[in-house]
Protein backbone atom coordinates (compact mmCIF):
# COMPACT_ATOMS: atom_id res chain seq x y z
CA UNK A 1 -186.02 -20.88 92.64
CA UNK A 2 -182.90 -22.94 93.04
CA UNK A 3 -183.39 -25.96 90.78
CA UNK A 4 -181.04 -28.91 91.02
CA UNK A 5 -179.76 -30.10 87.65
CA UNK A 6 -180.55 -33.75 86.85
CA UNK A 7 -176.87 -34.70 87.26
CA UNK A 8 -176.82 -33.29 90.79
CA UNK A 9 -180.01 -35.13 91.81
CA UNK A 10 -178.54 -38.34 90.38
CA UNK A 11 -175.31 -37.78 92.33
CA UNK A 12 -177.09 -37.22 95.66
CA UNK A 13 -179.21 -40.32 95.10
CA UNK A 14 -176.10 -42.40 94.34
CA UNK A 15 -174.24 -41.06 97.37
CA UNK A 16 -177.19 -41.61 99.71
CA UNK A 17 -177.71 -45.13 98.36
CA UNK A 18 -174.04 -45.92 98.98
CA UNK A 19 -174.29 -44.75 102.60
CA UNK A 20 -177.48 -46.78 103.06
CA UNK A 21 -175.80 -49.87 101.62
CA UNK A 22 -172.82 -49.60 103.98
CA UNK A 23 -175.07 -49.25 107.03
CA UNK A 24 -177.74 -51.69 105.76
CA UNK A 25 -180.37 -48.97 105.93
CA UNK A 26 -183.38 -48.50 103.69
CA UNK A 27 -184.18 -45.34 101.76
CA UNK A 28 -186.53 -44.40 104.61
CA UNK A 29 -183.45 -43.48 106.66
CA UNK A 30 -182.68 -40.57 104.30
CA UNK A 31 -184.13 -37.26 105.47
CA UNK A 32 -183.87 -33.67 104.28
CA UNK A 33 -182.89 -30.65 106.35
CA UNK A 34 -186.39 -29.23 106.41
CA UNK A 35 -187.84 -32.59 107.53
CA UNK A 36 -185.54 -32.55 110.55
CA UNK A 37 -185.22 -28.87 111.42
CA UNK A 38 -188.15 -26.47 111.05
CA UNK A 39 -187.05 -23.29 109.39
CA UNK A 40 -184.61 -24.95 107.00
CA UNK A 41 -185.57 -24.45 103.36
CA UNK A 42 -183.52 -27.11 101.66
CA UNK A 43 -183.73 -29.12 99.59
CA UNK A 44 -185.68 -27.21 96.97
CA UNK A 45 -186.67 -28.25 93.49
CA UNK A 46 -187.54 -31.85 94.35
CA UNK A 47 -189.34 -33.69 97.10
CA UNK A 48 -187.66 -35.98 99.55
CA UNK A 49 -190.19 -38.65 98.66
CA UNK A 50 -189.03 -38.53 95.04
CA UNK A 51 -185.40 -38.75 96.17
CA UNK A 52 -186.15 -41.66 98.50
CA UNK A 53 -187.86 -43.43 95.58
CA UNK A 54 -184.71 -43.00 93.49
CA UNK A 55 -182.59 -44.32 96.37
CA UNK A 56 -184.89 -47.31 96.89
CA UNK A 57 -184.55 -48.19 93.19
CA UNK A 58 -180.77 -48.10 93.49
CA UNK A 59 -180.88 -50.33 96.58
CA UNK A 60 -182.80 -53.07 94.77
């Protein structure tokens, strides 16, 4: 139980979108620790799909 406040989720989406813009990546390039490394537990409190959707909206 380690919820991310809405402001923190917004900040990570903005930061990830900025990195994607610089490198001309899509939101699909953004991955979470637990998607890459089994055994990692983060992020918690939201899904990476929901975060990627937020990033994709910012990249439009």
